[in-house]
Amino acid sequence: MPTEMKETDQKYTDKQLLVKGLKRLALALPLLLLTTYVLTFAFLNKDTIPIYIFLILGIIAMAITIYLLFNGIKIILKSIFN
């Protein structure tokens, strides 16, 4: 006997998780643009010492941006396929 999928067995997209993932991606997009600009600014002005502060801040901000991107995608996939 083949088992038929009942209406109660269907899985739906978790909309709260989807919104949470989209918010993370929306936060990561401006950070991605900003950190790219900060890192470019730090690499172009190598002569002054305070620019190294921008380099360190840019690297830390880029790591946070990459984390937000991957975490947002992970949450979105979890909301769709779980």
N, C-alpha and C. Protein backbone atom coordinates (compact mmCIF):
# COMPACT_ATOMS: atom_id res chain seq x y z
N MET A 1 0.83 -1.18 0.00
CA MET A 1 0.00 0.00 0.00
C MET A 1 0.88 1.25 0.00
N PRO A 2 0.70 2.08 -0.99
CA PRO A 2 1.49 3.31 -0.98
C PRO A 2 0.95 4.29 0.06
N THR A 3 1.87 4.94 0.71
CA THR A 3 1.44 5.92 1.71
C THR A 3 1.22 7.26 1.03
N GLU A 4 0.10 7.82 1.29
CA GLU A 4 -0.24 9.11 0.71
C GLU A 4 0.03 10.21 1.72
N MET A 5 0.49 11.32 1.24
CA MET A 5 0.79 12.45 2.11
C MET A 5 -0.50 13.18 2.43
N LYS A 6 -0.79 13.24 3.69
CA LYS A 6 -2.00 13.94 4.12
C LYS A 6 -1.71 15.43 4.19
N GLU A 7 -2.78 16.19 4.28
CA GLU A 7 -2.62 17.64 4.34
C GLU A 7 -1.91 18.07 5.61
N THR A 8 -2.06 17.35 6.68
CA THR A 8 -1.41 17.72 7.94
C THR A 8 0.07 17.38 7.94
N ASP A 9 0.52 16.52 7.01
CA ASP A 9 1.92 16.13 6.97
C ASP A 9 2.77 17.10 6.14
N GLN A 10 2.14 18.03 5.45
CA GLN A 10 2.89 18.94 4.60
C GLN A 10 3.69 19.91 5.45
N LYS A 11 4.88 20.23 4.93
CA LYS A 11 5.73 21.20 5.63
C LYS A 11 5.68 22.53 4.88
N TYR A 12 5.64 23.57 5.63
CA TYR A 12 5.57 24.90 5.06
C TYR A 12 6.81 25.69 5.45
N THR A 13 7.03 26.77 4.75
CA THR A 13 8.15 27.65 5.06
C THR A 13 7.88 28.39 6.36
N ASP A 14 8.87 28.37 7.24
CA ASP A 14 8.77 29.10 8.50
C ASP A 14 9.04 30.58 8.21
N LYS A 15 7.99 31.38 8.23
CA LYS A 15 8.12 32.77 7.80
C LYS A 15 8.93 33.61 8.78
N GLN A 16 8.87 33.29 10.06
CA GLN A 16 9.65 34.05 11.03
C GLN A 16 11.14 33.84 10.81
N LEU A 17 11.55 32.61 10.54
CA LEU A 17 12.96 32.35 10.25
C LEU A 17 13.37 32.99 8.94
N LEU A 18 12.48 32.98 7.96
CA LEU A 18 12.79 33.59 6.67
C LEU A 18 13.02 35.09 6.82
N VAL A 19 12.18 35.75 7.59
CA VAL A 19 12.34 37.19 7.81
C VAL A 19 13.64 37.47 8.58
N LYS A 20 13.96 36.62 9.55
CA LYS A 20 15.19 36.79 10.31
C LYS A 20 16.42 36.66 9.40
N GLY A 21 16.40 35.69 8.49
CA GLY A 21 17.51 35.53 7.56
C GLY A 21 17.62 36.68 6.58
N LEU A 22 16.48 37.16 6.11
CA LEU A 22 16.50 38.30 5.18
C LEU A 22 17.00 39.57 5.86
N LYS A 23 16.69 39.74 7.15
CA LYS A 23 17.19 40.90 7.89
C LYS A 23 18.71 40.83 8.02
N ARG A 24 19.23 39.63 8.25
CA ARG A 24 20.70 39.48 8.35
C ARG A 24 21.36 39.81 7.02
N LEU A 25 20.76 39.35 5.93
CA LEU A 25 21.33 39.67 4.62
C LEU A 25 21.21 41.16 4.30
N ALA A 26 20.11 41.77 4.72
CA ALA A 26 19.94 43.21 4.50
C ALA A 26 20.94 44.02 5.31
N LEU A 27 21.32 43.53 6.47
CA LEU A 27 22.34 44.20 7.27
C LEU A 27 23.72 43.99 6.69
N ALA A 28 23.95 42.84 6.08
CA ALA A 28 25.27 42.52 5.55
C ALA A 28 25.59 43.28 4.26
N LEU A 29 24.59 43.62 3.48
CA LEU A 29 24.84 44.29 2.20
C LEU A 29 25.51 45.66 2.36
N PRO A 30 24.99 46.57 3.19
CA PRO A 30 25.70 47.84 3.35
C PRO A 30 27.07 47.67 4.01
N LEU A 31 27.16 46.71 4.92
CA LEU A 31 28.46 46.45 5.55
C LEU A 31 29.48 45.97 4.54
N LEU A 32 29.04 45.19 3.58
CA LEU A 32 29.94 44.70 2.54
C LEU A 32 30.50 45.85 1.72
N LEU A 33 29.65 46.79 1.36
CA LEU A 33 30.10 47.95 0.60
C LEU A 33 31.00 48.86 1.44
N LEU A 34 30.63 49.06 2.69
CA LEU A 34 31.39 49.94 3.57
C LEU A 34 32.77 49.37 3.87
N THR A 35 32.85 48.09 4.16
CA THR A 35 34.15 47.51 4.50
C THR A 35 35.07 47.45 3.29
N THR A 36 34.51 47.28 2.10
CA THR A 36 35.33 47.32 0.89
C THR A 36 35.94 48.70 0.72
N TYR A 37 35.16 49.72 0.96
CA TYR A 37 35.67 51.09 0.86
C TYR A 37 36.74 51.36 1.92
N VAL A 38 36.52 50.93 3.15
CA VAL A 38 37.48 51.16 4.23
C VAL A 38 38.79 50.44 3.96
N LEU A 39 38.72 49.21 3.48
CA LEU A 39 39.95 48.47 3.18
C LEU A 39 40.71 49.10 2.02
N THR A 40 40.00 49.56 1.00
CA THR A 40 40.66 50.23 -0.12
C THR A 40 41.31 51.52 0.34
N PHE A 41 40.64 52.26 1.19
CA PHE A 41 41.19 53.50 1.74
C PHE A 41 42.45 53.23 2.56
N ALA A 42 42.44 52.15 3.32
CA ALA A 42 43.60 51.81 4.15
C ALA A 42 44.79 51.38 3.30
N PHE A 43 44.54 50.66 2.23
CA PHE A 43 45.64 50.20 1.38
C PHE A 43 46.21 51.30 0.50
N LEU A 44 45.41 52.28 0.14
CA LEU A 44 45.90 53.37 -0.70
C LEU A 44 46.75 54.37 0.07
N ASN A 45 46.51 54.54 1.37
CA ASN A 45 47.23 55.51 2.18
C ASN A 45 48.17 54.79 3.13
N LYS A 46 49.26 54.25 2.60
CA LYS A 46 50.20 53.49 3.42
C LYS A 46 51.19 54.37 4.16
N ASP A 47 51.28 55.64 3.82
CA ASP A 47 52.31 56.50 4.39
C ASP A 47 52.03 56.93 5.82
N THR A 48 50.77 57.02 6.20
CA THR A 48 50.45 57.51 7.54
C THR A 48 50.13 56.35 8.48
N ILE A 49 50.55 56.49 9.71
CA ILE A 49 50.36 55.42 10.70
C ILE A 49 48.91 55.28 11.16
N PRO A 50 48.12 56.34 11.35
CA PRO A 50 46.73 56.14 11.80
C PRO A 50 45.87 55.33 10.82
N ILE A 51 46.32 55.21 9.58
CA ILE A 51 45.54 54.44 8.61
C ILE A 51 45.53 52.96 8.97
N TYR A 52 46.54 52.50 9.72
CA TYR A 52 46.56 51.10 10.14
C TYR A 52 45.38 50.77 11.05
N ILE A 53 44.86 51.77 11.72
CA ILE A 53 43.65 51.57 12.54
C ILE A 53 42.48 51.23 11.61
N PHE A 54 42.39 51.93 10.49
CA PHE A 54 41.33 51.64 9.53
C PHE A 54 41.50 50.24 8.93
N LEU A 55 42.74 49.84 8.73
CA LEU A 55 42.99 48.50 8.19
C LEU A 55 42.50 47.42 9.16
N ILE A 56 42.82 47.57 10.43
CA ILE A 56 42.39 46.61 11.44
C ILE A 56 40.87 46.60 11.56
N LEU A 57 40.27 47.79 11.62
CA LEU A 57 38.81 47.87 11.70
C LEU A 57 38.14 47.30 10.46
N GLY A 58 38.73 47.53 9.30
CA GLY A 58 38.18 46.99 8.06
C GLY A 58 38.22 45.47 8.01
N ILE A 59 39.32 44.89 8.49
CA ILE A 59 39.43 43.43 8.50
C ILE A 59 38.43 42.82 9.48
N ILE A 60 38.28 43.43 10.65
CA ILE A 60 37.31 42.93 11.63
C ILE A 60 35.88 43.06 11.08
N ALA A 61 35.58 44.20 10.48
CA ALA A 61 34.24 44.42 9.93
C ALA A 61 33.96 43.46 8.76
N MET A 62 34.97 43.15 7.97
CA MET A 62 34.79 42.22 6.86
C MET A 62 34.51 40.81 7.38
N ALA A 63 35.18 40.43 8.46
CA ALA A 63 34.91 39.12 9.06
C ALA A 63 33.48 39.04 9.58
N ILE A 64 33.02 40.11 10.20
CA ILE A 64 31.63 40.15 10.69
C ILE A 64 30.65 40.10 9.52
N THR A 65 30.97 40.78 8.44
CA THR A 65 30.11 40.78 7.25
C THR A 65 30.00 39.38 6.65
N ILE A 66 31.13 38.71 6.53
CA ILE A 66 31.11 37.35 5.97
C ILE A 66 30.31 36.42 6.87
N TYR A 67 30.46 36.57 8.18
CA TYR A 67 29.68 35.76 9.12
C TYR A 67 28.18 36.02 8.95
N LEU A 68 27.79 37.29 8.83
CA LEU A 68 26.37 37.63 8.66
C LEU A 68 25.82 37.07 7.35
N LEU A 69 26.61 37.12 6.29
CA LEU A 69 26.16 36.59 5.01
C LEU A 69 25.90 35.09 5.09
N PHE A 70 26.88 34.35 5.59
CA PHE A 70 26.70 32.90 5.65
C PHE A 70 25.62 32.51 6.65
N ASN A 71 25.54 33.20 7.76
CA ASN A 71 24.51 32.90 8.75
C ASN A 71 23.12 33.22 8.21
N GLY A 72 22.98 34.31 7.48
CA GLY A 72 21.69 34.66 6.88
C GLY A 72 21.25 33.63 5.85
N ILE A 73 22.18 33.18 5.01
CA ILE A 73 21.84 32.16 4.03
C ILE A 73 21.48 30.85 4.72
N LYS A 74 22.20 30.51 5.77
CA LYS A 74 21.92 29.28 6.52
C LYS A 74 20.51 29.33 7.14
N ILE A 75 20.15 30.47 7.70
CA ILE A 75 18.83 30.61 8.33
C ILE A 75 17.72 30.53 7.27
N ILE A 76 17.94 31.15 6.12
CA ILE A 76 16.94 31.09 5.05
C ILE A 76 16.75 29.65 4.56
N LEU A 77 17.85 28.94 4.37
CA LEU A 77 17.73 27.54 3.93
C LEU A 77 17.05 26.68 5.00
N LYS A 78 17.32 26.99 6.26
CA LYS A 78 16.68 26.25 7.36
C LYS A 78 15.17 26.51 7.35
N SER A 79 14.78 27.74 7.07
CA SER A 79 13.33 28.05 7.08
C SER A 79 12.62 27.40 5.91
N ILE A 80 13.29 27.20 4.80
CA ILE A 80 12.64 26.62 3.63
C ILE A 80 12.61 25.10 3.71
N PHE A 81 13.71 24.48 4.08
CA PHE A 81 13.82 23.03 3.98
C PHE A 81 13.61 22.28 5.29
N ASN A 82 13.37 22.96 6.37
CA ASN A 82 13.18 22.28 7.63
C ASN A 82 11.75 22.16 8.03
